[in-house]
């Protein structure tokens, strides 16, 4: 799974300017939230993903397609 910048304890120390700059590059104009990532995690950990192998699952608010 390939999440983009997500609001977590690890990003809480980032400056407001840094967060705003990163959010501006995202088509959704915000950082991700943990709730945005949890569905992908549940899918990948479930039997529904039992035949998934080597896939890139972008959880990035559309950022990858704009690069």
Protein backbone atom coordinates (compact mmCIF):
# COMPACT_ATOMS: atom_id res chain seq x y z
CA UNK A 1 0.00 0.00 0.00
CA UNK A 2 1.25 3.46 -0.88
CA UNK A 3 -0.40 6.18 1.19
CA UNK A 4 0.55 9.80 0.71
CA UNK A 5 1.20 12.19 3.62
CA UNK A 6 -1.29 11.31 6.34
CA UNK A 7 -2.09 13.11 9.60
CA UNK A 8 -0.54 10.91 12.28
CA UNK A 9 1.71 11.29 15.30
CA UNK A 10 4.64 11.08 12.88
CA UNK A 11 3.48 14.17 10.95
CA UNK A 12 2.25 16.15 13.96
CA UNK A 13 5.64 17.86 14.26
CA UNK A 14 5.50 19.23 10.72
CA UNK A 15 5.05 22.98 10.47
CA UNK A 16 1.74 24.45 9.29
CA UNK A 17 3.54 25.73 6.21
CA UNK A 18 4.85 22.27 5.34
CA UNK A 19 1.41 20.69 5.77
CA UNK A 20 -0.19 23.42 3.63
CA UNK A 21 2.43 23.04 0.89
CA UNK A 22 1.95 19.28 0.75
CA UNK A 23 -1.84 19.58 0.84
CA UNK A 24 -1.75 22.07 -2.05
CA UNK A 25 -0.08 19.47 -4.29
CA UNK A 26 -2.86 16.96 -3.66
CA UNK A 27 -5.99 17.07 -5.87
CA UNK A 28 -8.14 16.79 -2.72
CA UNK A 29 -6.25 19.77 -1.21
CA UNK A 30 -5.63 18.07 2.12
CA UNK A 31 -3.45 15.56 3.87
CA UNK A 32 -4.85 12.10 4.31
CA UNK A 33 -6.53 11.00 7.52
CA UNK A 34 -6.04 7.59 9.14
CA UNK A 35 -9.67 6.84 8.27
CA UNK A 36 -8.73 7.18 4.59
CA UNK A 37 -6.20 4.37 4.91
CA UNK A 38 -8.02 1.94 7.17
CA UNK A 39 -10.29 0.52 4.45
CA UNK A 40 -7.32 -0.43 2.30
CA UNK A 41 -5.63 -2.04 5.31
CA UNK A 42 -8.73 -4.08 6.11
CA UNK A 43 -9.01 -5.20 2.48
CA UNK A 44 -5.37 -6.25 2.27
CA UNK A 45 -5.61 -8.17 5.56
CA UNK A 46 -8.81 -9.94 4.54
CA UNK A 47 -9.53 -13.07 2.55
CA UNK A 48 -10.82 -10.77 -0.22
CA UNK A 49 -7.19 -9.96 -1.01
CA UNK A 50 -6.09 -13.59 -0.87
CA UNK A 51 -5.04 -13.59 -4.52
CA UNK A 52 -3.58 -10.07 -4.53
CA UNK A 53 0.15 -10.22 -5.06
CA UNK A 54 2.57 -7.45 -5.93
CA UNK A 55 -0.10 -4.82 -6.48
CA UNK A 56 0.42 -1.13 -5.82
CA UNK A 57 -2.60 0.21 -3.97
CA UNK A 58 -2.34 4.00 -3.97
CA UNK A 59 -4.21 5.66 -1.09
CA UNK A 60 -3.27 9.21 -1.92
CA UNK A 61 -6.30 11.33 -2.81
CA UNK A 62 -5.34 11.27 -6.50
CA UNK A 63 -1.80 12.59 -6.01
CA UNK A 64 -0.03 9.84 -7.99
CA UNK A 65 -1.97 10.55 -11.15
CA UNK A 66 -0.99 14.22 -11.05
CA UNK A 67 2.78 13.67 -10.80
